[in-house]
Amino acid sequence: MKQPLSMILAAVAAMLLAACGKPAPIESVESLVANPERLKELRAQCKADHAKVGDDQCNAVAEATRRRFFRSGGPKHTPEALAPAASAPAPKD
């Protein structure tokens, strides 16, 4: 059975368009470390639908989270504004 030429061309065009689809570029670890709001947003997206966001992006999110947490050698749980002052000598009685 012969198929009309237009159907064959349409099928070939559809396959070419599908093959040309580029994956969405991922946001770099460095850009996520510098932008905590975007990092928070992507962490939530990875948690909600890891498959949709993709392994590469979620791995970058995890690495950026790790780098922010362990920046300069240890966890920082206290914002700098609330950090304790340098230790002063204890008051003498």
N, C-alpha and C. Protein backbone atom coordinates (compact mmCIF):
# COMPACT_ATOMS: atom_id res chain seq x y z
N MET A 1 0.83 -1.17 0.00
CA MET A 1 0.00 0.00 0.00
C MET A 1 0.88 1.25 0.00
N LYS A 2 0.63 2.19 -0.85
CA LYS A 2 1.41 3.41 -0.92
C LYS A 2 0.74 4.49 -0.08
N GLN A 3 1.57 5.18 0.68
CA GLN A 3 1.06 6.29 1.48
C GLN A 3 1.30 7.57 0.70
N PRO A 4 0.41 8.52 0.84
CA PRO A 4 0.61 9.78 0.14
C PRO A 4 1.91 10.43 0.61
N LEU A 5 2.56 11.10 -0.28
CA LEU A 5 3.83 11.76 -0.02
C LEU A 5 3.72 12.77 1.11
N SER A 6 2.60 13.44 1.21
CA SER A 6 2.45 14.45 2.26
C SER A 6 2.47 13.83 3.66
N MET A 7 1.94 12.62 3.80
CA MET A 7 1.96 11.96 5.10
C MET A 7 3.38 11.54 5.49
N ILE A 8 4.13 11.09 4.51
CA ILE A 8 5.51 10.69 4.76
C ILE A 8 6.34 11.92 5.15
N LEU A 9 6.16 13.01 4.42
CA LEU A 9 6.89 14.23 4.73
C LEU A 9 6.52 14.76 6.11
N ALA A 10 5.27 14.68 6.48
CA ALA A 10 4.83 15.14 7.79
C ALA A 10 5.47 14.30 8.89
N ALA A 11 5.55 12.99 8.68
CA ALA A 11 6.16 12.11 9.67
C ALA A 11 7.65 12.40 9.81
N VAL A 12 8.32 12.61 8.68
CA VAL A 12 9.75 12.92 8.71
C VAL A 12 9.98 14.27 9.41
N ALA A 13 9.16 15.26 9.12
CA ALA A 13 9.30 16.57 9.75
C ALA A 13 9.09 16.46 11.26
N ALA A 14 8.12 15.66 11.68
CA ALA A 14 7.86 15.49 13.11
C ALA A 14 9.05 14.83 13.80
N MET A 15 9.65 13.83 13.16
CA MET A 15 10.81 13.16 13.75
C MET A 15 12.00 14.12 13.85
N LEU A 16 12.20 14.94 12.82
CA LEU A 16 13.30 15.90 12.84
C LEU A 16 13.13 16.93 13.95
N LEU A 17 11.92 17.41 14.10
CA LEU A 17 11.66 18.38 15.16
C LEU A 17 11.87 17.78 16.54
N ALA A 18 11.46 16.54 16.71
CA ALA A 18 11.64 15.87 18.00
C ALA A 18 13.11 15.64 18.29
N ALA A 19 13.89 15.32 17.27
CA ALA A 19 15.31 15.06 17.46
C ALA A 19 16.08 16.34 17.74
N CYS A 20 15.59 17.47 17.28
CA CYS A 20 16.29 18.73 17.47
C CYS A 20 16.02 19.38 18.81
N GLY A 21 15.08 18.87 19.57
CA GLY A 21 14.74 19.46 20.85
C GLY A 21 15.94 19.43 21.78
N LYS A 22 16.35 20.58 22.25
CA LYS A 22 17.49 20.67 23.16
C LYS A 22 17.00 20.58 24.59
N PRO A 23 17.76 19.88 25.44
CA PRO A 23 17.37 19.88 26.85
C PRO A 23 17.56 21.27 27.44
N ALA A 24 16.74 21.57 28.42
CA ALA A 24 16.83 22.88 29.05
C ALA A 24 18.20 23.02 29.72
N PRO A 25 18.86 24.15 29.58
CA PRO A 25 20.16 24.33 30.22
C PRO A 25 19.99 24.34 31.73
N ILE A 26 20.97 23.77 32.42
CA ILE A 26 20.87 23.76 33.88
C ILE A 26 21.57 24.99 34.44
N GLU A 27 21.11 25.40 35.59
CA GLU A 27 21.73 26.54 36.28
C GLU A 27 22.96 26.02 37.02
N SER A 28 24.05 26.75 36.91
CA SER A 28 25.31 26.29 37.48
C SER A 28 25.28 26.34 39.01
N VAL A 29 26.16 25.54 39.58
CA VAL A 29 26.30 25.51 41.04
C VAL A 29 26.66 26.90 41.55
N GLU A 30 27.60 27.56 40.86
CA GLU A 30 28.05 28.88 41.29
C GLU A 30 26.92 29.90 41.28
N SER A 31 26.07 29.87 40.23
CA SER A 31 24.97 30.83 40.18
C SER A 31 23.94 30.55 41.27
N LEU A 32 23.76 29.28 41.61
CA LEU A 32 22.81 28.94 42.68
C LEU A 32 23.36 29.31 44.05
N VAL A 33 24.67 29.16 44.25
CA VAL A 33 25.28 29.57 45.53
C VAL A 33 25.10 31.07 45.72
N ALA A 34 25.20 31.82 44.63
CA ALA A 34 25.09 33.28 44.70
C ALA A 34 23.64 33.75 44.81
N ASN A 35 22.68 32.90 44.49
CA ASN A 35 21.27 33.29 44.47
C ASN A 35 20.46 32.34 45.36
N PRO A 36 20.42 32.57 46.67
CA PRO A 36 19.75 31.64 47.58
C PRO A 36 18.25 31.49 47.34
N GLU A 37 17.59 32.54 46.86
CA GLU A 37 16.14 32.42 46.59
C GLU A 37 15.89 31.44 45.45
N ARG A 38 16.69 31.52 44.39
CA ARG A 38 16.54 30.59 43.27
C ARG A 38 16.89 29.17 43.71
N LEU A 39 17.91 29.04 44.56
CA LEU A 39 18.30 27.74 45.08
C LEU A 39 17.15 27.12 45.86
N LYS A 40 16.51 27.92 46.70
CA LYS A 40 15.37 27.44 47.49
C LYS A 40 14.23 26.98 46.58
N GLU A 41 13.97 27.76 45.54
CA GLU A 41 12.91 27.44 44.59
C GLU A 41 13.20 26.11 43.87
N LEU A 42 14.43 25.95 43.40
CA LEU A 42 14.78 24.71 42.70
C LEU A 42 14.82 23.51 43.64
N ARG A 43 15.21 23.71 44.90
CA ARG A 43 15.19 22.61 45.86
C ARG A 43 13.76 22.09 46.02
N ALA A 44 12.81 23.01 46.10
CA ALA A 44 11.41 22.61 46.23
C ALA A 44 10.93 21.86 44.98
N GLN A 45 11.34 22.33 43.81
CA GLN A 45 10.96 21.66 42.56
C GLN A 45 11.56 20.27 42.48
N CYS A 46 12.82 20.12 42.89
CA CYS A 46 13.46 18.80 42.87
C CYS A 46 12.76 17.85 43.83
N LYS A 47 12.36 18.38 44.98
CA LYS A 47 11.66 17.55 45.96
C LYS A 47 10.29 17.12 45.44
N ALA A 48 9.60 18.03 44.77
CA ALA A 48 8.25 17.75 44.29
C ALA A 48 8.25 16.81 43.08
N ASP A 49 9.16 17.03 42.13
CA ASP A 49 9.16 16.23 40.90
C ASP A 49 10.57 16.14 40.33
N HIS A 50 11.38 15.28 40.94
CA HIS A 50 12.78 15.14 40.55
C HIS A 50 12.92 14.77 39.07
N ALA A 51 12.06 13.89 38.58
CA ALA A 51 12.15 13.44 37.19
C ALA A 51 11.92 14.59 36.21
N LYS A 52 11.00 15.47 36.54
CA LYS A 52 10.69 16.59 35.65
C LYS A 52 11.85 17.60 35.61
N VAL A 53 12.43 17.88 36.78
CA VAL A 53 13.53 18.85 36.85
C VAL A 53 14.79 18.25 36.24
N GLY A 54 15.03 16.99 36.49
CA GLY A 54 16.16 16.29 35.89
C GLY A 54 17.31 16.08 36.87
N ASP A 55 18.03 14.98 36.65
CA ASP A 55 19.14 14.62 37.52
C ASP A 55 20.23 15.68 37.54
N ASP A 56 20.61 16.19 36.38
CA ASP A 56 21.71 17.16 36.31
C ASP A 56 21.40 18.41 37.13
N GLN A 57 20.19 18.95 36.98
CA GLN A 57 19.83 20.16 37.71
C GLN A 57 19.72 19.88 39.20
N CYS A 58 19.10 18.77 39.58
CA CYS A 58 18.95 18.46 41.00
C CYS A 58 20.30 18.17 41.65
N ASN A 59 21.24 17.58 40.90
CA ASN A 59 22.59 17.37 41.42
C ASN A 59 23.29 18.71 41.64
N ALA A 60 23.09 19.66 40.72
CA ALA A 60 23.67 21.00 40.88
C ALA A 60 23.06 21.70 42.10
N VAL A 61 21.77 21.51 42.31
CA VAL A 61 21.09 22.09 43.48
C VAL A 61 21.66 21.50 44.77
N ALA A 62 21.85 20.19 44.79
CA ALA A 62 22.40 19.54 45.98
C ALA A 62 23.82 20.03 46.27
N GLU A 63 24.63 20.16 45.24
CA GLU A 63 26.00 20.63 45.42
C GLU A 63 26.02 22.08 45.91
N ALA A 64 25.15 22.93 45.35
CA ALA A 64 25.08 24.33 45.78
C ALA A 64 24.63 24.42 47.24
N THR A 65 23.69 23.58 47.62
CA THR A 65 23.23 23.55 49.01
C THR A 65 24.37 23.13 49.93
N ARG A 66 25.12 22.11 49.51
CA ARG A 66 26.25 21.64 50.31
C ARG A 66 27.30 22.75 50.46
N ARG A 67 27.61 23.44 49.36
CA ARG A 67 28.62 24.49 49.42
C ARG A 67 28.19 25.65 50.31
N ARG A 68 26.91 26.02 50.23
CA ARG A 68 26.43 27.11 51.08
C ARG A 68 26.48 26.70 52.56
N PHE A 69 26.17 25.43 52.83
CA PHE A 69 26.14 24.95 54.21
C PHE A 69 27.55 24.87 54.80
N PHE A 70 28.49 24.37 54.02
CA PHE A 70 29.85 24.16 54.51
C PHE A 70 30.82 25.26 54.09
N ARG A 71 30.31 26.40 53.73
CA ARG A 71 31.16 27.52 53.34
C ARG A 71 32.16 27.81 54.45
N SER A 72 33.37 28.04 54.08
CA SER A 72 34.50 28.34 54.96
C SER A 72 34.65 27.35 56.11
N GLY A 73 34.51 26.07 55.79
CA GLY A 73 34.91 25.03 56.71
C GLY A 73 33.91 24.51 57.71
N GLY A 74 32.75 25.09 57.85
CA GLY A 74 31.81 24.57 58.82
C GLY A 74 30.43 25.14 58.63
N PRO A 75 29.45 24.52 59.25
CA PRO A 75 28.08 25.01 59.11
C PRO A 75 27.91 26.37 59.77
N LYS A 76 27.08 27.18 59.17
CA LYS A 76 26.79 28.50 59.73
C LYS A 76 25.29 28.55 60.00
N HIS A 77 24.95 28.37 61.23
CA HIS A 77 23.53 28.38 61.59
C HIS A 77 23.09 29.75 62.09
N THR A 78 24.02 30.56 62.52
CA THR A 78 23.71 31.86 63.09
C THR A 78 24.07 32.95 62.10
N PRO A 79 23.12 33.78 61.71
CA PRO A 79 23.45 34.89 60.82
C PRO A 79 24.52 35.77 61.46
N GLU A 80 25.35 36.38 60.63
CA GLU A 80 26.46 37.18 61.15
C GLU A 80 25.99 38.30 62.08
N ALA A 81 24.83 38.87 61.81
CA ALA A 81 24.33 39.96 62.64
C ALA A 81 24.04 39.47 64.06
N LEU A 82 23.70 38.19 64.20
CA LEU A 82 23.37 37.64 65.52
C LEU A 82 24.50 36.81 66.11
N ALA A 83 25.61 36.72 65.42
CA ALA A 83 26.72 35.91 65.90
C ALA A 83 27.25 36.50 67.20
N PRO A 84 27.68 35.63 68.11
CA PRO A 84 28.22 36.15 69.37
C PRO A 84 29.47 36.98 69.13
N ALA A 85 29.65 37.96 69.97
CA ALA A 85 30.83 38.83 69.87
C ALA A 85 32.05 38.02 70.26
N ALA A 86 33.21 38.55 69.93
CA ALA A 86 34.46 37.89 70.32
C ALA A 86 34.46 37.71 71.82
N SER A 87 35.00 36.60 72.25
CA SER A 87 34.94 36.32 73.68
C SER A 87 35.70 37.38 74.47
N ALA A 88 35.04 37.90 75.45
CA ALA A 88 35.61 38.91 76.32
C ALA A 88 36.02 38.24 77.62
N PRO A 89 36.95 38.80 78.33
CA PRO A 89 37.32 38.19 79.61
C PRO A 89 36.12 38.14 80.55
N ALA A 90 36.07 37.11 81.30
CA ALA A 90 34.97 36.95 82.25
C ALA A 90 35.07 38.05 83.32
N PRO A 91 33.94 38.57 83.79
CA PRO A 91 33.98 39.61 84.82
C PRO A 91 34.58 39.04 86.11
N LYS A 92 35.40 39.84 86.78
CA LYS A 92 36.02 39.41 88.04
C LYS A 92 35.12 39.78 89.20
N ASP A 93 35.02 38.89 90.11
CA ASP A 93 34.18 39.14 91.29
C ASP A 93 34.86 39.96 92.32
